[in-house]
Amino acid sequence: MPEIAPHVDRMPGSGVRHILERALQRPDTIILAVGEPGEVVGVTVRDAAAAAWHEGDIRYTPNGGITPLREAIVEKLARENDLAVDVEQVWVTVGATQALHMAMAMTLAKGDEVLVPDPGYTTFTMNAHLLQATPVPYPLRAERFFQPDLDELESLVTPRTRAIIVNTPSNPLGSTFDRTTLEAILDLARRHDLWVISDEVYERFTWSVPHVSLTSLDSDDRVLTVFSMSKTYAMTGARVGWLVTPPGWRPAMLRVQESIVSCVDAPSQRAALAALTGDQSDVERAAAHYRDNLIEATRLLDDRGIHYLPPTGAFYLWIDVAHASGGDVVAWCERFLDEQGVAVAPGSAFGASGEGWVRVCVASARGPLLEGLRRLPAPA
């Protein structure tokens, strides 16, 4: 029988999903491995989606999304991100996952190289393989507090490099890049004529630092920006995100969007519109909950002498378990799950630089979170 395309076989799987599948088979597991907000979507947002179904509003929508939602996104970008864009630069997608895939598909050809953060979100590398491009990790190291070394980053650029992916606030690190770092990355991209793909899914959750949108610093239309409703509004299952493109991309985007999904379903878009234009107190309450969880969690880790990266964004803790993991954090996470009943994400699932670290999501209820952290082994 015919064989699957060889580049698909080379595509890595998700190390986080591997741990989750094991955890789901074990009763009473404390699951801290997955970035799932513990908040419940507001009733106004749910009612908007339900109304679409009851009214029979379940037919095709425009490729780029319903006009009221795109207009609301334009207003949101101007108000919160200092971005002045046209409606035709905003393309509603099936979550940030599709937006990221679209951005990479539009900028990478077979054999091209893309610089991806390491540790970094697993889909960056998975998408590159699926598009028959080559992901080139740029290391984010503990000794630099997981900030990029700009000289090292530039040394990785070759004639085949086409794009750099930037993720701030970071999944999995819970870190952020400041304006100076972002400006330096843009300068590098200009020198080498590269695209920049900016993943800003966790934009609403920063701690003691402002979020800076890369596109707001872009002077020559080389940045594509990925946003999502999933984390901000706890709408992970509704699958609504959007991609902001440079101006003039409408003809190409129409073809690409049509070929992949045609359009996002109307009920989810109407729910997204209600969320963006409605009362934001649920978002503020969620942010306060995540911040307080981080405060309590880091206090517990400090008391136990466990090292971690001080979080400045997102809702993750990046925790050092090298004293216990013995150079194989994946195997250690499996043992920790089997012996202690706690699922955490192995850092090496996000790249080689993550060996010896684990990612913990703090978006759950505080009791299970703190209990899971109490079961971590402390250094001797």
Protein backbone atom coordinates (compact mmCIF):
# COMPACT_ATOMS: atom_id res chain seq x y z
CA MET A 1 0.00 0.00 0.00
CA PRO A 2 1.17 3.64 -0.43
CA GLU A 3 3.30 5.13 2.34
CA ILE A 4 2.68 8.32 4.24
CA ALA A 5 4.80 11.26 3.11
CA PRO A 6 8.28 10.92 4.67
CA HIS A 7 8.37 14.47 6.05
CA VAL A 8 5.31 13.67 8.18
CA ASP A 9 7.13 10.73 9.76
CA ARG A 10 9.97 13.11 10.66
CA MET A 11 7.57 15.44 12.46
CA PRO A 12 8.07 15.12 16.25
CA GLY A 13 5.19 14.31 18.54
CA SER A 14 4.13 16.22 21.64
CA GLY A 15 5.96 15.25 24.81
CA VAL A 16 3.31 17.09 26.81
CA ARG A 17 0.51 15.06 25.24
CA HIS A 18 2.41 11.87 26.07
CA ILE A 19 2.39 12.74 29.78
CA LEU A 20 -1.24 13.85 29.64
CA GLU A 21 -2.38 10.56 28.08
CA ARG A 22 -0.65 8.64 30.88
CA ALA A 23 -2.17 10.95 33.49
CA LEU A 24 -5.70 10.49 32.18
CA GLN A 25 -5.41 6.74 32.70
CA ARG A 26 -4.66 7.22 36.39
CA PRO A 27 -7.50 8.18 38.79
CA ASP A 28 -7.05 11.21 41.04
CA THR A 29 -4.02 12.54 39.19
CA ILE A 30 -3.14 16.18 39.83
CA ILE A 31 -2.71 17.44 36.27
CA LEU A 32 -0.40 20.45 36.03
CA ALA A 33 1.02 19.61 32.61
CA VAL A 34 -1.49 21.29 30.30
CA GLY A 35 -2.09 25.01 29.67
CA GLU A 36 -5.81 24.90 30.32
CA PRO A 37 -7.39 27.87 32.13
CA GLY A 38 -9.45 26.83 35.10
CA GLU A 39 -11.91 29.69 34.60
CA VAL A 40 -15.43 29.20 33.23
CA VAL A 41 -16.41 31.22 30.16
CA GLY A 42 -18.79 34.07 31.03
CA VAL A 43 -22.50 33.53 30.51
CA THR A 44 -22.78 36.41 28.01
CA VAL A 45 -20.20 34.74 25.79
CA ARG A 46 -21.92 31.36 26.03
CA ASP A 47 -25.28 32.94 25.30
CA ALA A 48 -23.89 34.56 22.14
CA ALA A 49 -22.79 31.20 20.78
CA ALA A 50 -26.07 29.55 21.79
CA ALA A 51 -28.06 32.30 20.08
CA ALA A 52 -26.22 31.66 16.83
CA TRP A 53 -27.21 28.01 16.94
CA HIS A 54 -30.83 28.77 17.88
CA GLU A 55 -31.10 31.33 15.07
CA GLY A 56 -29.64 28.91 12.55
CA ASP A 57 -26.58 31.09 11.98
CA ILE A 58 -24.38 28.14 11.06
CA ARG A 59 -23.62 28.78 7.39
CA TYR A 60 -20.40 29.84 5.71
CA THR A 61 -18.92 33.13 6.81
CA PRO A 62 -16.40 35.26 4.86
CA ASN A 63 -12.93 33.72 4.68
CA GLY A 64 -11.45 36.40 6.91
CA GLY A 65 -14.20 36.27 9.51
CA ILE A 66 -17.45 38.12 10.17
CA THR A 67 -17.08 41.87 9.76
CA PRO A 68 -18.21 42.87 13.28
CA LEU A 69 -15.57 40.58 14.82
CA ARG A 70 -12.79 41.82 12.55
CA GLU A 71 -13.76 45.42 13.33
CA ALA A 72 -13.75 44.65 17.06
CA ILE A 73 -10.28 43.14 16.73
CA VAL A 74 -9.03 46.25 14.90
CA GLU A 75 -10.35 48.40 17.74
CA LYS A 76 -8.83 46.10 20.35
CA LEU A 77 -5.42 46.18 18.64
CA ALA A 78 -5.46 49.99 18.55
CA ARG A 79 -6.58 50.26 22.17
CA GLU A 80 -4.39 47.60 23.79
CA ASN A 81 -1.48 46.91 21.44
CA ASP A 82 -0.75 50.29 19.88
CA LEU A 83 -1.38 48.78 16.45
CA ALA A 84 -3.10 50.70 13.65
CA VAL A 85 -4.22 48.08 11.12
CA ASP A 86 -6.90 47.77 8.46
CA VAL A 87 -9.68 45.18 8.69
CA GLU A 88 -8.16 43.36 5.71
CA GLN A 89 -5.01 42.72 7.74
CA VAL A 90 -7.00 40.73 10.33
CA TRP A 91 -7.81 37.08 9.54
CA VAL A 92 -9.91 35.07 11.99
CA THR A 93 -8.51 31.56 12.38
CA VAL A 94 -9.21 28.24 14.09
CA GLY A 95 -7.31 29.24 17.19
CA ALA A 96 -3.77 30.57 17.32
CA THR A 97 -2.65 27.15 16.10
CA GLN A 98 -4.03 27.78 12.63
CA ALA A 99 -2.84 31.39 12.68
CA LEU A 100 0.68 30.19 13.42
CA HIS A 101 0.48 27.56 10.67
CA MET A 102 -0.77 30.18 8.22
CA ALA A 103 2.03 32.59 9.11
CA MET A 104 4.64 29.90 8.60
CA ALA A 105 3.02 28.59 5.40
CA MET A 106 2.99 32.10 3.95
CA THR A 107 6.67 32.75 4.68
CA LEU A 108 8.45 29.39 4.42
CA ALA A 109 9.12 27.20 1.38
CA LYS A 110 10.53 23.67 1.25
CA GLY A 111 14.12 23.71 2.50
CA ASP A 112 13.91 27.12 4.15
CA GLU A 113 15.13 27.58 7.72
CA VAL A 114 13.20 29.20 10.55
CA LEU A 115 14.73 30.23 13.86
CA VAL A 116 12.64 28.93 16.77
CA PRO A 117 13.07 29.51 20.52
CA ASP A 118 14.47 26.62 22.56
CA PRO A 119 12.77 26.02 24.94
CA GLY A 120 9.71 26.98 22.90
CA TYR A 121 6.17 26.00 22.09
CA THR A 122 6.24 22.57 20.44
CA THR A 123 4.05 23.57 17.48
CA PHE A 124 6.77 25.90 16.15
CA THR A 125 8.95 22.90 15.37
CA MET A 126 6.07 20.62 14.37
CA ASN A 127 4.78 23.13 11.82
CA ALA A 128 8.22 23.60 10.30
CA HIS A 129 8.55 19.87 9.68
CA LEU A 130 5.03 19.67 8.25
CA LEU A 131 5.88 22.47 5.82
CA GLN A 132 9.15 20.73 4.86
CA ALA A 133 11.16 23.60 6.30
CA THR A 134 13.98 23.22 8.82
CA PRO A 135 13.54 24.48 12.41
CA VAL A 136 16.79 25.90 13.79
CA PRO A 137 16.67 26.30 17.58
CA TYR A 138 18.04 29.46 19.16
CA PRO A 139 18.94 28.55 22.74
CA LEU A 140 17.44 30.35 25.71
CA ARG A 141 19.69 29.40 28.61
CA ALA A 142 19.32 29.46 32.37
CA GLU A 143 22.50 31.48 32.86
CA ARG A 144 20.90 34.29 30.83
CA PHE A 145 17.54 33.90 32.60
CA PHE A 146 16.27 32.37 29.34
CA GLN A 147 16.72 35.60 27.39
CA PRO A 148 18.20 35.39 23.88
CA ASP A 149 21.87 35.98 23.17
CA LEU A 150 21.57 38.29 20.16
CA ASP A 151 25.06 37.53 18.88
CA GLU A 152 24.40 33.82 19.04
CA LEU A 153 21.02 34.31 17.38
CA GLU A 154 22.62 36.19 14.51
CA SER A 155 25.29 33.52 14.12
CA LEU A 156 22.54 31.01 13.32
CA VAL A 157 21.35 32.97 10.27
CA THR A 158 22.30 31.34 6.95
CA PRO A 159 21.37 32.06 3.33
CA ARG A 160 18.42 29.68 3.81
CA THR A 161 16.99 31.47 6.86
CA ARG A 162 13.64 33.07 6.11
CA ALA A 163 12.00 33.82 9.46
CA ILE A 164 12.40 34.17 13.21
CA ILE A 165 9.68 33.14 15.66
CA VAL A 166 9.34 35.19 18.84
CA ASN A 167 7.06 34.22 21.72
CA THR A 168 6.46 36.70 24.52
CA PRO A 169 5.01 36.08 27.05
CA SER A 170 6.56 32.65 26.65
CA ASN A 171 5.01 29.23 26.72
CA PRO A 172 6.65 27.28 28.37
CA LEU A 173 8.95 29.67 30.26
CA GLY A 174 6.56 32.21 31.76
CA SER A 175 9.11 34.85 30.76
CA THR A 176 8.88 38.02 28.65
CA PHE A 177 11.12 39.97 26.30
CA ASP A 178 11.45 43.70 26.94
CA ARG A 179 11.24 46.44 24.33
CA THR A 180 15.03 46.66 23.94
CA THR A 181 15.31 42.95 23.16
CA LEU A 182 12.42 43.09 20.69
CA GLU A 183 13.95 46.10 18.93
CA ALA A 184 17.26 44.24 18.66
CA ILE A 185 15.52 41.21 17.12
CA LEU A 186 13.80 43.47 14.60
CA ASP A 187 17.10 45.12 13.74
CA LEU A 188 18.60 41.69 13.14
CA ALA A 189 15.65 40.75 10.92
CA ARG A 190 16.11 43.94 8.87
CA ARG A 191 19.83 43.31 8.39
CA HIS A 192 19.14 39.85 7.01
CA ASP A 193 15.76 40.60 5.39
CA LEU A 194 13.82 38.07 7.48
CA TRP A 195 10.18 37.72 8.40
CA VAL A 196 9.31 37.83 12.09
CA ILE A 197 6.42 35.77 13.44
CA SER A 198 5.26 37.01 16.83
CA ASP A 199 3.22 34.69 19.07
CA GLU A 200 1.39 36.90 21.58
CA VAL A 201 -1.22 34.44 22.83
CA TYR A 202 -0.54 35.28 26.50
CA GLU A 203 -0.54 39.06 25.97
CA ARG A 204 -3.07 39.81 28.72
CA PHE A 205 -1.09 38.05 31.43
CA THR A 206 2.10 39.85 32.38
CA TRP A 207 3.39 40.40 35.91
CA SER A 208 5.06 43.71 36.83
CA VAL A 209 6.12 44.31 33.23
CA PRO A 210 4.16 45.71 30.26
CA HIS A 211 3.41 43.62 27.21
CA VAL A 212 5.01 45.03 24.06
CA SER A 213 3.60 43.95 20.69
CA LEU A 214 6.35 43.42 18.14
CA THR A 215 4.19 44.79 15.34
CA SER A 216 3.98 48.12 17.17
CA LEU A 217 7.76 48.42 16.63
CA ASP A 218 7.67 47.28 13.00
CA SER A 219 8.55 50.02 10.48
CA ASP A 220 8.77 47.98 7.28
CA ASP A 221 5.94 45.42 7.36
CA ARG A 222 7.94 42.28 8.15
CA VAL A 223 6.05 41.13 11.28
CA LEU A 224 3.12 38.69 11.32
CA THR A 225 1.37 38.49 14.68
CA VAL A 226 -0.61 35.63 16.21
CA PHE A 227 -3.32 36.20 18.82
CA SER A 228 -5.93 33.98 20.47
CA MET A 229 -9.14 34.01 22.49
CA SER A 230 -8.19 30.71 24.16
CA LYS A 231 -6.13 31.79 27.15
CA THR A 232 -7.43 35.32 27.71
CA TYR A 233 -11.09 34.31 27.73
CA ALA A 234 -10.76 30.61 28.73
CA MET A 235 -12.17 29.65 25.32
CA THR A 236 -9.69 26.90 24.45
CA GLY A 237 -12.34 24.66 22.91
CA ALA A 238 -14.08 27.36 20.89
CA ARG A 239 -11.00 27.62 18.65
CA VAL A 240 -10.86 31.30 17.71
CA GLY A 241 -7.68 33.22 17.07
CA TRP A 242 -6.47 35.67 14.48
CA LEU A 243 -3.47 36.51 12.37
CA VAL A 244 -2.41 40.08 11.68
CA THR A 245 -0.62 40.32 8.33
CA PRO A 246 1.29 43.08 6.59
CA PRO A 247 -0.90 45.26 4.33
CA GLY A 248 -1.74 44.06 0.84
CA TRP A 249 -1.91 40.35 1.59
CA ARG A 250 -5.67 39.96 1.02
CA PRO A 251 -5.53 38.13 -2.37
CA ALA A 252 -3.05 35.55 -1.08
CA MET A 253 -4.80 35.14 2.28
CA LEU A 254 -8.13 34.48 0.59
CA ARG A 255 -6.61 31.57 -1.32
CA VAL A 256 -4.74 30.14 1.64
CA GLN A 257 -7.63 30.43 4.10
CA GLU A 258 -10.02 28.84 1.61
CA SER A 259 -7.67 25.93 1.06
CA ILE A 260 -7.22 25.17 4.76
CA VAL A 261 -10.53 25.79 6.57
CA SER A 262 -12.63 28.08 4.37
CA CYS A 263 -13.82 29.92 7.49
CA VAL A 264 -14.29 29.69 11.25
CA ASP A 265 -17.76 28.64 12.43
CA ALA A 266 -20.22 31.45 13.07
CA PRO A 267 -21.24 30.53 16.66
CA SER A 268 -17.62 30.64 17.84
CA GLN A 269 -17.06 33.96 16.08
CA ARG A 270 -20.13 35.44 17.70
CA ALA A 271 -18.91 34.23 21.09
CA ALA A 272 -15.53 35.86 20.40
CA LEU A 273 -17.25 39.12 19.46
CA ALA A 274 -19.23 39.08 22.72
CA ALA A 275 -16.05 38.42 24.69
CA LEU A 276 -14.03 41.20 23.04
CA THR A 277 -16.73 43.85 23.26
CA GLY A 278 -18.26 42.91 26.60
CA ASP A 279 -17.39 43.40 30.24
CA GLN A 280 -13.72 42.52 30.83
CA SER A 281 -14.08 41.79 34.53
CA ASP A 282 -13.79 38.02 33.93
CA VAL A 283 -10.38 38.57 32.33
CA GLU A 284 -9.28 40.80 35.20
CA ARG A 285 -10.51 38.24 37.73
CA ALA A 286 -8.66 35.44 35.92
CA ALA A 287 -5.45 37.48 35.82
CA ALA A 288 -5.71 38.16 39.54
CA HIS A 289 -6.27 34.45 40.21
CA TYR A 290 -3.24 33.42 38.15
CA ARG A 291 -1.08 36.12 39.75
CA ASP A 292 -2.10 35.04 43.26
CA ASN A 293 -1.47 31.40 42.37
CA LEU A 294 2.01 32.33 41.18
CA ILE A 295 2.70 34.24 44.41
CA GLU A 296 1.63 31.30 46.57
CA ALA A 297 3.40 28.74 44.39
CA THR A 298 6.70 30.60 44.30
CA ARG A 299 6.53 31.15 48.06
CA LEU A 300 6.15 27.39 48.53
CA LEU A 301 9.07 26.68 46.18
CA ASP A 302 11.23 29.25 47.97
CA ASP A 303 10.45 27.66 51.33
CA ARG A 304 11.48 24.26 49.98
CA GLY A 305 14.64 25.53 48.31
CA ILE A 306 13.53 24.58 44.79
CA HIS A 307 14.94 26.77 42.02
CA TYR A 308 12.67 28.26 39.35
CA LEU A 309 12.62 31.02 36.75
CA PRO A 310 10.87 34.06 38.27
CA PRO A 311 7.68 34.41 36.18
CA THR A 312 6.97 37.67 34.36
CA GLY A 313 4.19 36.51 32.03
CA ALA A 314 1.72 33.77 31.05
CA PHE A 315 0.51 31.32 33.71
CA TYR A 316 3.40 28.86 33.90
CA LEU A 317 6.21 28.09 36.31
CA TRP A 318 9.50 26.83 34.86
CA ILE A 319 11.01 24.71 37.63
CA ASP A 320 14.50 23.23 37.94
CA VAL A 321 14.42 19.52 38.85
CA ALA A 322 17.93 18.68 37.60
CA HIS A 323 18.88 17.65 41.15
CA ALA A 324 16.42 14.75 40.81
CA SER A 325 15.98 14.01 37.10
CA GLY A 326 19.39 12.50 36.43
CA GLY A 327 19.77 13.92 32.94
CA ASP A 328 16.51 12.43 31.60
CA VAL A 329 13.63 14.64 32.63
CA VAL A 330 11.10 12.76 30.48
CA ALA A 331 11.74 9.50 32.33
CA TRP A 332 11.69 11.39 35.63
CA CYS A 333 8.29 12.95 34.82
CA GLU A 334 6.92 9.49 34.08
CA ARG A 335 8.20 8.17 37.41
CA PHE A 336 6.92 11.26 39.24
CA LEU A 337 3.49 10.66 37.74
CA ASP A 338 3.49 6.96 38.63
CA GLU A 339 4.85 7.41 42.14
CA GLN A 340 3.43 10.76 43.24
CA GLY A 341 0.30 11.08 41.09
CA VAL A 342 1.27 14.48 39.66
CA ALA A 343 1.57 15.27 35.94
CA VAL A 344 4.06 17.97 34.97
CA ALA A 345 5.42 18.73 31.51
CA PRO A 346 9.05 17.73 30.85
CA GLY A 347 11.14 20.72 29.82
CA SER A 348 12.91 18.76 27.08
CA ALA A 349 9.56 18.43 25.30
CA PHE A 350 10.07 22.12 24.43
CA GLY A 351 13.65 21.75 23.20
CA ALA A 352 17.07 20.51 24.25
CA SER A 353 17.63 23.57 26.45
CA GLY A 354 14.76 22.42 28.64
CA GLU A 355 16.52 19.31 29.91
CA GLY A 356 16.38 19.21 33.70
CA TRP A 357 13.37 21.53 33.93
CA VAL A 358 9.59 21.05 34.07
CA ARG A 359 6.70 23.31 33.16
CA VAL A 360 3.82 23.66 35.61
CA CYS A 361 0.53 25.36 34.74
CA VAL A 362 -0.81 27.52 37.58
CA ALA A 363 -4.20 28.24 35.99
CA SER A 364 -5.94 25.49 37.97
CA ALA A 365 -7.46 25.56 41.45
CA ARG A 366 -4.93 26.61 44.08
CA GLY A 367 -5.32 23.59 46.36
CA PRO A 368 -4.28 20.92 43.82
CA LEU A 369 -1.56 23.20 42.46
CA LEU A 370 0.11 23.65 45.84
CA GLU A 371 -0.31 19.99 46.74
CA GLY A 372 1.35 18.98 43.46
CA LEU A 373 4.27 21.31 44.16
CA ARG A 374 4.65 19.92 47.69
CA ARG A 375 5.30 16.50 46.14
CA LEU A 376 8.26 17.78 44.10
CA PRO A 377 11.58 16.55 45.51
CA ALA A 378 13.60 19.30 47.14
CA PRO A 379 17.38 19.52 46.67
CA ALA A 380 19.38 17.70 49.33
